[in-house]
Amino acid sequence: MIKEKDQVIEMIRALPDESTVDDIMEELYFRMQVDRGVKQLDEGKGVPHQDVRNRLSRWLEK
Protein backbone atom coordinates (compact mmCIF):
# COMPACT_ATOMS: atom_id res chain seq x y z
CA MET A 1 0.00 0.00 0.00
CA ILE A 2 1.29 3.43 -0.96
CA LYS A 3 1.78 5.83 1.93
CA GLU A 4 -0.16 9.09 1.86
CA LYS A 5 3.04 11.11 1.62
CA ASP A 6 4.08 9.18 -1.48
CA GLN A 7 0.63 9.69 -3.02
CA VAL A 8 0.90 13.45 -2.49
CA ILE A 9 4.36 13.52 -4.02
CA GLU A 10 3.10 11.63 -7.08
CA MET A 11 0.13 13.99 -7.34
CA ILE A 12 2.48 17.00 -7.34
CA ARG A 13 4.74 15.39 -9.93
CA ALA A 14 1.74 14.83 -12.21
CA LEU A 15 0.79 18.53 -12.15
CA PRO A 16 2.19 20.89 -14.80
CA ASP A 17 5.57 22.45 -14.01
CA GLU A 18 4.05 25.93 -13.88
CA SER A 19 1.64 24.95 -11.08
CA THR A 20 1.49 27.33 -8.16
CA VAL A 21 1.23 26.47 -4.48
CA ASP A 22 -2.45 27.44 -4.73
CA ASP A 23 -2.90 24.95 -7.61
CA ILE A 24 -1.29 22.22 -5.53
CA MET A 25 -3.44 23.01 -2.49
CA GLU A 26 -6.58 23.03 -4.63
CA GLU A 27 -5.75 19.64 -6.13
CA LEU A 28 -4.92 18.19 -2.72
CA TYR A 29 -8.18 19.49 -1.23
CA PHE A 30 -10.18 18.08 -4.17
CA ARG A 31 -8.58 14.66 -3.81
CA MET A 32 -9.17 14.65 -0.06
CA GLN A 33 -12.86 15.35 -0.62
CA VAL A 34 -13.13 12.62 -3.25
CA ASP A 35 -11.39 10.13 -0.96
CA ARG A 36 -13.74 11.09 1.88
CA GLY A 37 -16.76 10.55 -0.38
CA VAL A 38 -15.52 7.16 -1.57
CA LYS A 39 -14.94 6.10 2.03
CA GLN A 40 -18.47 7.15 2.96
CA LEU A 41 -19.88 5.17 0.05
CA ASP A 42 -17.84 2.13 1.08
CA GLU A 43 -19.37 2.46 4.56
CA GLY A 44 -22.88 2.55 3.09
CA LYS A 45 -23.40 6.20 3.96
CA GLY A 46 -24.24 7.31 0.41
CA VAL A 47 -27.50 8.77 -0.84
CA PRO A 48 -29.50 6.48 -3.14
CA HIS A 49 -29.59 7.56 -6.78
CA GLN A 50 -33.37 8.06 -6.83
CA ASP A 51 -33.19 10.33 -3.77
CA VAL A 52 -30.63 12.49 -5.55
CA ARG A 53 -32.84 12.66 -8.64
CA ASN A 54 -35.80 13.73 -6.51
CA ARG A 55 -33.80 16.43 -4.74
CA LEU A 56 -32.40 17.78 -7.99
CA SER A 57 -35.80 17.86 -9.65
CA ARG A 58 -37.15 19.98 -6.78
CA TRP A 59 -34.21 22.39 -7.06
CA LEU A 60 -34.56 22.67 -10.82
CA GLU A 61 -38.30 23.43 -10.63
CA LYS A 62 -37.66 26.70 -8.77
PDB file of N, CA and C in Angstrom:
ATOM      1  N   MET A   1       0.837  -1.184   0.000  1.00  0.00           N
ATOM      2  CA  MET A   1       0.000   0.000   0.000  1.00  0.00           C
ATOM      3  C   MET A   1       0.882   1.248   0.000  1.00  0.00           C
ATOM      4  N   ILE A   2       0.506   2.204  -0.845  1.00  0.00           N
ATOM      5  CA  ILE A   2       1.290   3.429  -0.958  1.00  0.00           C
ATOM      6  C   ILE A   2       0.948   4.361   0.205  1.00  0.00           C
ATOM      7  N   LYS A   3       1.982   4.899   0.820  1.00  0.00           N
ATOM      8  CA  LYS A   3       1.778   5.827   1.930  1.00  0.00           C
ATOM      9  C   LYS A   3       1.212   7.140   1.406  1.00  0.00           C
ATOM     10  N   GLU A   4       0.468   7.827   2.259  1.00  0.00           N
ATOM     11  CA  GLU A   4      -0.156   9.087   1.859  1.00  0.00           C
ATOM     12  C   GLU A   4       0.873  10.097   1.368  1.00  0.00           C
ATOM     13  N   LYS A   5       2.002  10.174   2.020  1.00  0.00           N
ATOM     14  CA  LYS A   5       3.041  11.115   1.619  1.00  0.00           C
ATOM     15  C   LYS A   5       3.485  10.821   0.192  1.00  0.00           C
ATOM     16  N   ASP A   6       3.673   9.552  -0.133  1.00  0.00           N
ATOM     17  CA  ASP A   6       4.080   9.177  -1.482  1.00  0.00           C
ATOM     18  C   ASP A   6       2.995   9.504  -2.504  1.00  0.00           C
ATOM     19  N   GLN A   7       1.721   9.347  -2.112  1.00  0.00           N
ATOM     20  CA  GLN A   7       0.626   9.691  -3.017  1.00  0.00           C
ATOM     21  C   GLN A   7       0.622  11.191  -3.317  1.00  0.00           C
ATOM     22  N   VAL A   8       0.869  12.001  -2.299  1.00  0.00           N
ATOM     23  CA  VAL A   8       0.901  13.449  -2.489  1.00  0.00           C
ATOM     24  C   VAL A   8       2.065  13.841  -3.383  1.00  0.00           C
ATOM     25  N   ILE A   9       3.192  13.229  -3.177  1.00  0.00           N
ATOM     26  CA  ILE A   9       4.362  13.521  -4.016  1.00  0.00           C
ATOM     27  C   ILE A   9       4.064  13.174  -5.472  1.00  0.00           C
ATOM     28  N   GLU A  10       3.453  12.033  -5.706  1.00  0.00           N
ATOM     29  CA  GLU A  10       3.103  11.635  -7.079  1.00  0.00           C
ATOM     30  C   GLU A  10       2.075  12.590  -7.678  1.00  0.00           C
ATOM     31  N   MET A  11       1.122  13.038  -6.871  1.00  0.00           N
ATOM     32  CA  MET A  11       0.127  13.994  -7.342  1.00  0.00           C
ATOM     33  C   MET A  11       0.813  15.281  -7.798  1.00  0.00           C
ATOM     34  N   ILE A  12       1.761  15.764  -7.003  1.00  0.00           N
ATOM     35  CA  ILE A  12       2.479  16.995  -7.343  1.00  0.00           C
ATOM     36  C   ILE A  12       3.302  16.794  -8.605  1.00  0.00           C
ATOM     37  N   ARG A  13       3.946  15.661  -8.732  1.00  0.00           N
ATOM     38  CA  ARG A  13       4.739  15.386  -9.934  1.00  0.00           C
ATOM     39  C   ARG A  13       3.878  15.360 -11.193  1.00  0.00           C
ATOM     40  N   ALA A  14       2.625  14.935 -11.051  1.00  0.00           N
ATOM     41  CA  ALA A  14       1.738  14.833 -12.212  1.00  0.00           C
ATOM     42  C   ALA A  14       1.193  16.195 -12.662  1.00  0.00           C
ATOM     43  N   LEU A  15       1.278  17.199 -11.796  1.00  0.00           N
ATOM     44  CA  LEU A  15       0.794  18.526 -12.154  1.00  0.00           C
ATOM     45  C   LEU A  15       1.771  19.206 -13.113  1.00  0.00           C
ATOM     46  N   PRO A  16       1.285  20.160 -13.900  1.00  0.00           N
ATOM     47  CA  PRO A  16       2.190  20.895 -14.804  1.00  0.00           C
ATOM     48  C   PRO A  16       3.284  21.624 -14.030  1.00  0.00           C
ATOM     49  N   ASP A  17       4.432  21.805 -14.668  1.00  0.00           N
ATOM     50  CA  ASP A  17       5.567  22.447 -14.009  1.00  0.00           C
ATOM     51  C   ASP A  17       5.261  23.872 -13.552  1.00  0.00           C
ATOM     52  N   GLU A  18       4.356  24.540 -14.238  1.00  0.00           N
ATOM     53  CA  GLU A  18       4.050  25.932 -13.883  1.00  0.00           C
ATOM     54  C   GLU A  18       2.986  26.042 -12.785  1.00  0.00           C
ATOM     55  N   SER A  19       2.644  24.940 -12.146  1.00  0.00           N
ATOM     56  CA  SER A  19       1.638  24.953 -11.082  1.00  0.00           C
ATOM     57  C   SER A  19       2.124  25.781  -9.899  1.00  0.00           C
ATOM     58  N   THR A  20       1.179  26.517  -9.324  1.00  0.00           N
ATOM     59  CA  THR A  20       1.487  27.333  -8.155  1.00  0.00           C
ATOM     60  C   THR A  20       1.170  26.537  -6.887  1.00  0.00           C
ATOM     61  N   VAL A  21       1.561  27.096  -5.758  1.00  0.00           N
ATOM     62  CA  VAL A  21       1.226  26.471  -4.485  1.00  0.00           C
ATOM     63  C   VAL A  21      -0.298  26.401  -4.340  1.00  0.00           C
ATOM     64  N   ASP A  22      -0.984  27.453  -4.787  1.00  0.00           N
ATOM     65  CA  ASP A  22      -2.450  27.438  -4.732  1.00  0.00           C
ATOM     66  C   ASP A  22      -3.030  26.304  -5.574  1.00  0.00           C
ATOM     67  N   ASP A  23      -2.451  26.058  -6.758  1.00  0.00           N
ATOM     68  CA  ASP A  23      -2.900  24.948  -7.609  1.00  0.00           C
ATOM     69  C   ASP A  23      -2.719  23.614  -6.894  1.00  0.00           C
ATOM     70  N   ILE A  24      -1.589  23.463  -6.246  1.00  0.00           N
ATOM     71  CA  ILE A  24      -1.288  22.223  -5.529  1.00  0.00           C
ATOM     72  C   ILE A  24      -2.263  22.031  -4.371  1.00  0.00           C
ATOM     73  N   MET A  25      -2.509  23.090  -3.619  1.00  0.00           N
ATOM     74  CA  MET A  25      -3.442  23.010  -2.491  1.00  0.00           C
ATOM     75  C   MET A  25      -4.853  22.681  -2.968  1.00  0.00           C
ATOM     76  N   GLU A  26      -5.247  23.292  -4.079  1.00  0.00           N
ATOM     77  CA  GLU A  26      -6.578  23.027  -4.629  1.00  0.00           C
ATOM     78  C   GLU A  26      -6.724  21.563  -5.044  1.00  0.00           C
ATOM     79  N   GLU A  27      -5.719  21.040  -5.701  1.00  0.00           N
ATOM     80  CA  GLU A  27      -5.752  19.638  -6.129  1.00  0.00           C
ATOM     81  C   GLU A  27      -5.762  18.701  -4.923  1.00  0.00           C
ATOM     82  N   LEU A  28      -4.966  19.013  -3.927  1.00  0.00           N
ATOM     83  CA  LEU A  28      -4.922  18.188  -2.720  1.00  0.00           C
ATOM     84  C   LEU A  28      -6.272  18.202  -2.006  1.00  0.00           C
ATOM     85  N   TYR A  29      -6.875  19.382  -1.879  1.00  0.00           N
ATOM     86  CA  TYR A  29      -8.179  19.487  -1.231  1.00  0.00           C
ATOM     87  C   TYR A  29      -9.234  18.691  -2.005  1.00  0.00           C
ATOM     88  N   PHE A  30      -9.224  18.823  -3.335  1.00  0.00           N
ATOM     89  CA  PHE A  30     -10.176  18.085  -4.170  1.00  0.00           C
ATOM     90  C   PHE A  30     -10.029  16.579  -3.955  1.00  0.00           C
ATOM     91  N   ARG A  31      -8.804  16.101  -3.976  1.00  0.00           N
ATOM     92  CA  ARG A  31      -8.580  14.661  -3.807  1.00  0.00           C
ATOM     93  C   ARG A  31      -8.977  14.185  -2.415  1.00  0.00           C
ATOM     94  N   MET A  32      -8.752  15.013  -1.414  1.00  0.00           N
ATOM     95  CA  MET A  32      -9.169  14.649  -0.056  1.00  0.00           C
ATOM     96  C   MET A  32     -10.686  14.498   0.013  1.00  0.00           C
ATOM     97  N   GLN A  33     -11.403  15.413  -0.623  1.00  0.00           N
ATOM     98  CA  GLN A  33     -12.859  15.354  -0.617  1.00  0.00           C
ATOM     99  C   GLN A  33     -13.369  14.127  -1.367  1.00  0.00           C
ATOM    100  N   VAL A  34     -12.743  13.815  -2.496  1.00  0.00           N
ATOM    101  CA  VAL A  34     -13.134  12.622  -3.252  1.00  0.00           C
ATOM    102  C   VAL A  34     -12.880  11.372  -2.422  1.00  0.00           C
ATOM    103  N   ASP A  35     -11.714  11.288  -1.800  1.00  0.00           N
ATOM    104  CA  ASP A  35     -11.395  10.132  -0.958  1.00  0.00           C
ATOM    105  C   ASP A  35     -12.388   9.994   0.194  1.00  0.00           C
ATOM    106  N   ARG A  36     -12.761  11.110   0.792  1.00  0.00           N
ATOM    107  CA  ARG A  36     -13.741  11.089   1.882  1.00  0.00           C
ATOM    108  C   ARG A  36     -15.085  10.565   1.374  1.00  0.00           C
ATOM    109  N   GLY A  37     -15.502  11.010   0.197  1.00  0.00           N
ATOM    110  CA  GLY A  37     -16.756  10.549  -0.379  1.00  0.00           C
ATOM    111  C   GLY A  37     -16.743   9.067  -0.699  1.00  0.00           C
ATOM    112  N   VAL A  38     -15.640   8.586  -1.256  1.00  0.00           N
ATOM    113  CA  VAL A  38     -15.521   7.161  -1.574  1.00  0.00           C
ATOM    114  C   VAL A  38     -15.581   6.337  -0.293  1.00  0.00           C
ATOM    115  N   LYS A  39     -14.916   6.813   0.745  1.00  0.00           N
ATOM    116  CA  LYS A  39     -14.943   6.099   2.033  1.00  0.00           C
ATOM    117  C   LYS A  39     -16.366   6.029   2.578  1.00  0.00           C
ATOM    118  N   GLN A  40     -17.089   7.139   2.487  1.00  0.00           N
ATOM    119  CA  GLN A  40     -18.474   7.151   2.961  1.00  0.00           C
ATOM    120  C   GLN A  40     -19.333   6.175   2.169  1.00  0.00           C
ATOM    121  N   LEU A  41     -19.128   6.119   0.868  1.00  0.00           N
ATOM    122  CA  LEU A  41     -19.880   5.166   0.050  1.00  0.00           C
ATOM    123  C   LEU A  41     -19.544   3.736   0.441  1.00  0.00           C
ATOM    124  N   ASP A  42     -18.262   3.473   0.667  1.00  0.00           N
ATOM    125  CA  ASP A  42     -17.841   2.134   1.080  1.00  0.00           C
ATOM    126  C   ASP A  42     -18.483   1.729   2.410  1.00  0.00           C
ATOM    127  N   GLU A  43     -18.750   2.717   3.255  1.00  0.00           N
ATOM    128  CA  GLU A  43     -19.367   2.458   4.562  1.00  0.00           C
ATOM    129  C   GLU A  43     -20.893   2.438   4.480  1.00  0.00           C
ATOM    130  N   GLY A  44     -21.428   2.567   3.267  1.00  0.00           N
ATOM    131  CA  GLY A  44     -22.879   2.547   3.086  1.00  0.00           C
ATOM    132  C   GLY A  44     -23.571   3.832   3.487  1.00  0.00           C
ATOM    133  N   LYS A  45     -22.840   4.922   3.529  1.00  0.00           N
ATOM    134  CA  LYS A  45     -23.402   6.201   3.958  1.00  0.00           C
ATOM    135  C   LYS A  45     -23.825   7.082   2.782  1.00  0.00           C
ATOM    136  N   GLY A  46     -23.881   6.532   1.592  1.00  0.00           N
ATOM    137  CA  GLY A  46     -24.241   7.308   0.414  1.00  0.00           C
ATOM    138  C   GLY A  46     -25.737   7.563   0.331  1.00  0.00           C
ATOM    139  N   VAL A  47     -26.104   8.458  -0.580  1.00  0.00           N
ATOM    140  CA  VAL A  47     -27.502   8.775  -0.840  1.00  0.00           C
ATOM    141  C   VAL A  47     -27.932   7.982  -2.070  1.00  0.00           C
ATOM    142  N   PRO A  48     -29.038   7.251  -1.980  1.00  0.00           N
ATOM    143  CA  PRO A  48     -29.501   6.478  -3.137  1.00  0.00           C
ATOM    144  C   PRO A  48     -29.742   7.370  -4.358  1.00  0.00           C
ATOM    145  N   HIS A  49     -29.495   6.818  -5.525  1.00  0.00           N
ATOM    146  CA  HIS A  49     -29.593   7.558  -6.783  1.00  0.00           C
ATOM    147  C   HIS A  49     -30.965   8.219  -6.941  1.00  0.00           C
ATOM    148  N   GLN A  50     -32.023   7.503  -6.655  1.00  0.00           N
ATOM    149  CA  GLN A  50     -33.369   8.058  -6.830  1.00  0.00           C
ATOM    150  C   GLN A  50     -33.606   9.240  -5.897  1.00  0.00           C
ATOM    151  N   ASP A  51     -33.065   9.190  -4.691  1.00  0.00           N
ATOM    152  CA  ASP A  51     -33.191  10.330  -3.769  1.00  0.00           C
ATOM    153  C   ASP A  51     -32.504  11.562  -4.341  1.00  0.00           C
ATOM    154  N   VAL A  52     -31.352  11.368  -4.936  1.00  0.00           N
ATOM    155  CA  VAL A  52     -30.626  12.485  -5.549  1.00  0.00           C
ATOM    156  C   VAL A  52     -31.450  13.063  -6.697  1.00  0.00           C
ATOM    157  N   ARG A  53     -32.005  12.191  -7.523  1.00  0.00           N
ATOM    158  CA  ARG A  53     -32.842  12.658  -8.642  1.00  0.00           C
ATOM    159  C   ARG A  53     -34.028  13.474  -8.130  1.00  0.00           C
ATOM    160  N   ASN A  54     -34.659  13.002  -7.072  1.00  0.00           N
ATOM    161  CA  ASN A  54     -35.801  13.728  -6.511  1.00  0.00           C
ATOM    162  C   ASN A  54     -35.390  15.093  -5.979  1.00  0.00           C
ATOM    163  N   ARG A  55     -34.287  15.148  -5.277  1.00  0.00           N
ATOM    164  CA  ARG A  55     -33.803  16.427  -4.738  1.00  0.00           C
ATOM    165  C   ARG A  55     -33.480  17.397  -5.863  1.00  0.00           C
ATOM    166  N   LEU A  56     -32.766  16.913  -6.875  1.00  0.00           N
ATOM    167  CA  LEU A  56     -32.402  17.782  -7.993  1.00  0.00           C
ATOM    168  C   LEU A  56     -33.631  18.288  -8.736  1.00  0.00           C
ATOM    169  N   SER A  57     -34.607  17.427  -8.926  1.00  0.00           N
ATOM    170  CA  SER A  57     -35.799  17.861  -9.653  1.00  0.00           C
ATOM    171  C   SER A  57     -36.518  18.979  -8.889  1.00  0.00           C
ATOM    172  N   ARG A  58     -36.528  18.905  -7.571  1.00  0.00           N
ATOM    173  CA  ARG A  58     -37.153  19.975  -6.780  1.00  0.00           C
ATOM    174  C   ARG A  58     -36.358  21.278  -6.900  1.00  0.00           C
ATOM    175  N   TRP A  59     -35.036  21.180  -6.921  1.00  0.00           N
ATOM    176  CA  TRP A  59     -34.212  22.388  -7.060  1.00  0.00           C
ATOM    177  C   TRP A  59     -34.386  23.008  -8.435  1.00  0.00           C
ATOM    178  N   LEU A  60     -34.485  22.167  -9.456  1.00  0.00           N
ATOM    179  CA  LEU A  60     -34.561  22.670 -10.823  1.00  0.00           C
ATOM    180  C   LEU A  60     -35.937  23.246 -11.146  1.00  0.00           C
ATOM    181  N   GLU A  61     -36.961  22.898 -10.398  1.00  0.00           N
ATOM    182  CA  GLU A  61     -38.296  23.433 -10.630  1.00  0.00           C
ATOM    183  C   GLU A  61     -38.403  24.897 -10.213  1.00  0.00           C
ATOM    184  N   LYS A  62     -37.575  25.329  -9.298  1.00  0.00           N
ATOM    185  CA  LYS A  62     -37.665  26.705  -8.765  1.00  0.00           C
ATOM    186  C   LYS A  62     -37.210  27.728  -9.754  1.00  0.00           C
TER     187      LYS A  62
END
